[in-house]
């Protein structure tokens, strides 16, 4: 949620409801042109943000999340925070300083 708030406020995309959710719609031809640096779970957010920064049309598909009923998640918050922070810094530099990272 903090990552999404940073995207809305600092990257000036207030219409984004969930930047880390991978339920997005966009043209495949546009997505294939996007250079990606991430290799883990944050790659979906990177693709989404790079497309927004480039001015491409992207639609978010609404989704409702429910708490897990059983089992254990493999997701580790400590690693995620660092990866999302790094992604945010790269996207900030790309948007405002045109620094290409990939």
Protein backbone atom coordinates (compact mmCIF):
# COMPACT_ATOMS: atom_id res chain seq x y z
CA UNK A 1 0.00 0.00 0.00
CA UNK A 2 2.85 2.36 0.75
CA UNK A 3 4.36 1.69 -2.69
CA UNK A 4 1.04 2.51 -4.35
CA UNK A 5 0.71 5.73 -2.34
CA UNK A 6 4.22 6.75 -3.47
CA UNK A 7 3.23 6.04 -7.09
CA UNK A 8 0.11 8.18 -6.74
CA UNK A 9 1.80 11.11 -4.98
CA UNK A 10 5.39 11.26 -6.25
CA UNK A 11 5.02 9.80 -9.74
CA UNK A 12 1.76 11.77 -10.20
CA UNK A 13 -0.49 8.87 -11.16
CA UNK A 14 -3.43 9.51 -8.79
CA UNK A 15 -5.76 7.28 -10.80
CA UNK A 16 -3.70 4.14 -10.07
CA UNK A 17 -5.53 1.96 -7.58
CA UNK A 18 -3.04 -0.93 -7.23
CA UNK A 19 0.29 -0.67 -9.02
CA UNK A 20 1.57 -4.03 -7.78
CA UNK A 21 -1.50 -5.98 -8.89
CA UNK A 22 -0.85 -7.75 -12.20
CA UNK A 23 -4.42 -7.55 -13.50
CA UNK A 24 -3.79 -4.97 -16.22
CA UNK A 25 -4.80 -4.64 -19.86
CA UNK A 26 -2.53 -3.16 -22.52
CA UNK A 27 -1.41 -3.80 -26.06
CA UNK A 28 1.03 -6.69 -26.32
CA UNK A 29 2.92 -4.85 -29.05
CA UNK A 30 3.60 -1.98 -26.63
CA UNK A 31 4.56 -4.26 -23.74
CA UNK A 32 7.10 -6.11 -25.89
CA UNK A 33 8.95 -2.82 -26.47
CA UNK A 34 9.35 -2.07 -22.75
CA UNK A 35 12.83 -2.80 -21.36
CA UNK A 36 12.59 -4.55 -18.00
CA UNK A 37 15.21 -4.73 -15.29
CA UNK A 38 13.30 -6.60 -12.57
CA UNK A 39 13.37 -10.37 -12.44
CA UNK A 40 11.11 -11.10 -9.47
CA UNK A 41 7.57 -10.39 -8.32
CA UNK A 42 7.95 -6.63 -8.90
CA UNK A 43 8.32 -7.07 -12.67
CA UNK A 44 4.57 -6.53 -13.17
CA UNK A 45 4.73 -3.19 -11.38
CA UNK A 46 7.79 -2.21 -13.41
CA UNK A 47 6.06 -3.02 -16.71
CA UNK A 48 2.97 -1.09 -15.62
CA UNK A 49 4.90 1.99 -14.47
CA UNK A 50 7.21 2.08 -17.49
CA UNK A 51 4.17 1.95 -19.76
CA UNK A 52 2.46 4.77 -17.83
CA UNK A 53 5.62 6.90 -17.89
CA UNK A 54 5.91 6.38 -21.66
CA UNK A 55 2.32 7.55 -22.13
CA UNK A 56 0.88 4.18 -23.18
CA UNK A 57 -2.73 3.37 -22.42
CA UNK A 58 -3.08 0.91 -19.58
CA UNK A 59 -6.26 -0.26 -17.88
CA UNK A 60 -6.43 -1.74 -14.41
CA UNK A 61 -8.88 -4.58 -13.98
CA UNK A 62 -10.73 -4.42 -10.65
CA UNK A 63 -10.04 -7.22 -8.21
CA UNK A 64 -11.21 -8.03 -4.69
CA UNK A 65 -8.71 -9.61 -2.33
CA UNK A 66 -9.63 -12.05 0.41
CA UNK A 67 -7.44 -13.30 3.24
CA UNK A 68 -5.88 -16.70 2.71
CA UNK A 69 -7.97 -19.53 4.20
CA UNK A 70 -5.04 -21.89 4.73
CA UNK A 71 -1.43 -22.61 3.91
CA UNK A 72 1.53 -20.30 4.21
CA UNK A 73 2.69 -17.52 1.94
CA UNK A 74 6.21 -17.54 0.47
CA UNK A 75 6.16 -13.75 0.27
CA UNK A 76 8.61 -12.04 2.64
CA UNK A 77 7.92 -8.40 3.45
CA UNK A 78 11.56 -7.52 4.21
CA UNK A 79 12.75 -8.50 0.73
CA UNK A 80 9.72 -6.93 -0.92
CA UNK A 81 10.25 -3.55 0.71
CA UNK A 82 13.80 -3.30 -0.66
CA UNK A 83 12.81 -4.42 -4.15
CA UNK A 84 9.83 -2.06 -4.36
CA UNK A 85 11.92 0.82 -3.00
CA UNK A 86 14.57 0.17 -5.65
CA UNK A 87 11.87 0.02 -8.33
CA UNK A 88 10.36 3.28 -7.12
CA UNK A 89 13.74 5.04 -7.23
CA UNK A 90 14.38 3.77 -10.79
CA UNK A 91 10.93 4.89 -11.97
CA UNK A 92 11.31 8.29 -10.27
CA UNK A 93 14.65 8.82 -12.03
CA UNK A 94 13.16 7.71 -15.34
CA UNK A 95 10.14 9.99 -15.09
CA UNK A 96 11.80 13.15 -13.84
CA UNK A 97 15.41 12.88 -14.99
CA UNK A 98 14.98 10.60 -18.03
CA UNK A 99 17.61 8.23 -16.62
CA UNK A 100 17.19 4.94 -18.44
CA UNK A 101 18.04 1.95 -16.31
CA UNK A 102 17.37 -1.01 -18.61
